[in-house]
C-alpha cells in the first residue's frame, strides 16, 4: 500500500522491525564487561596536573580533628593564588 500512496524512494520504505534493539551509548561505561574486554580500553590521561594547583612556594597545613579540619595556606610571596581546574 505504501508504494501506491507515498512518493518516497524505495530505500525509505523499509519494513518495520519486529525485534527490539539494545540502545548503545558510546559515552556510557558498560560495567558488565571486564576492563580488558572493553572495546575502547582505557585512554591515556592528558598531561595536566591534578585539579587544584597553587604557586610554587605555597605550604599547606591541615589543623583540627577528623571532622573539623582547618586548611591554612602560607607563602613567602605577596600574592597567594590558587587555581581550580575542572574535573574531567
Protein backbone atom coordinates (compact mmCIF):
# COMPACT_ATOMS: atom_id res chain seq x y z
CA UNK A 1 0.00 0.00 0.00
CA UNK A 2 2.85 2.41 0.78
CA UNK A 3 4.14 2.02 -2.75
CA UNK A 4 0.79 3.23 -4.09
CA UNK A 5 0.37 6.23 -1.76
CA UNK A 6 3.83 7.53 -0.93
CA UNK A 7 6.19 9.09 -3.42
CA UNK A 8 9.24 8.21 -1.32
CA UNK A 9 12.20 6.30 -2.73
CA UNK A 10 12.29 2.54 -2.22
CA UNK A 11 15.09 2.79 0.37
CA UNK A 12 12.85 4.75 2.74
CA UNK A 13 10.05 2.16 2.59
CA UNK A 14 11.71 -0.45 4.79
CA UNK A 15 9.60 -2.92 6.76
CA UNK A 16 9.10 -2.15 10.43
CA UNK A 17 11.44 -4.05 12.75
CA UNK A 18 9.65 -6.56 14.95
CA UNK A 19 12.56 -7.14 17.36
CA UNK A 20 13.80 -4.53 19.77
CA UNK A 21 17.41 -3.47 19.52
CA UNK A 22 19.56 -2.67 22.52
CA UNK A 23 20.45 1.02 22.77
CA UNK A 24 24.20 1.59 22.90
CA UNK A 25 25.59 4.91 24.02
CA UNK A 26 29.36 5.13 23.38
CA UNK A 27 29.85 7.72 26.12
CA UNK A 28 28.41 5.42 28.79
CA UNK A 29 30.54 2.82 30.53
CA UNK A 30 29.47 -0.82 30.42
CA UNK A 31 30.37 -2.13 33.88
CA UNK A 32 29.21 -5.63 32.94
CA UNK A 33 32.41 -6.24 30.97
CA UNK A 34 35.88 -6.84 32.26
CA UNK A 35 38.24 -3.90 31.63
CA UNK A 36 40.38 -5.87 29.16
CA UNK A 37 37.26 -6.85 27.17
CA UNK A 38 36.27 -3.23 26.68
CA UNK A 39 36.36 -2.23 23.01
CA UNK A 40 37.88 1.17 23.66
CA UNK A 41 40.13 0.27 26.59
CA UNK A 42 41.48 2.96 28.88
CA UNK A 43 42.54 6.24 27.42
CA UNK A 44 45.78 7.84 28.45
CA UNK A 45 45.36 10.85 30.70
CA UNK A 46 46.24 14.26 29.46
CA UNK A 47 49.46 15.57 30.83
CA UNK A 48 47.72 18.08 33.08
CA UNK A 49 48.23 18.49 36.79
CA UNK A 50 45.51 17.38 39.18
CA UNK A 51 42.52 19.62 39.90
CA UNK A 52 43.88 22.17 42.39
CA UNK A 53 47.19 23.97 41.99
CA UNK A 54 48.96 26.67 44.00
CA UNK A 55 52.02 28.83 43.50
CA UNK A 56 55.42 27.22 43.76
CA UNK A 57 56.39 28.17 47.34
CA UNK A 58 52.93 27.69 48.93
CA UNK A 59 52.76 25.46 52.01
CA UNK A 60 49.56 23.73 53.13
CA UNK A 61 48.92 22.99 56.81
CA UNK A 62 45.94 20.91 57.98
CA UNK A 63 44.87 21.52 61.59
CA UNK A 64 41.96 20.17 63.61
CA UNK A 65 40.23 16.92 64.34
CA UNK A 66 38.94 14.48 61.75
CA UNK A 67 35.55 16.17 61.36
CA UNK A 68 36.63 19.83 61.64
CA UNK A 69 39.74 20.45 59.57
CA UNK A 70 41.25 23.87 59.02
CA UNK A 71 43.33 24.33 55.89
CA UNK A 72 45.96 27.07 56.07
CA UNK A 73 47.99 28.26 53.11
CA UNK A 74 51.23 30.11 53.74
CA UNK A 75 53.57 31.61 51.16
CA UNK A 76 56.64 33.82 51.10
CA UNK A 77 55.24 35.78 48.18
CA UNK A 78 52.84 38.71 48.42
CA UNK A 79 50.22 37.05 46.24
CA UNK A 80 48.81 33.68 47.25
CA UNK A 81 46.94 32.23 44.29
CA UNK A 82 45.03 29.00 43.81
CA UNK A 83 43.72 27.57 40.58
CA UNK A 84 40.88 25.06 40.36
CA UNK A 85 40.88 23.09 37.12
CA UNK A 86 37.67 21.38 36.01
CA UNK A 87 37.42 17.66 36.70
CA UNK A 88 37.11 15.55 33.57
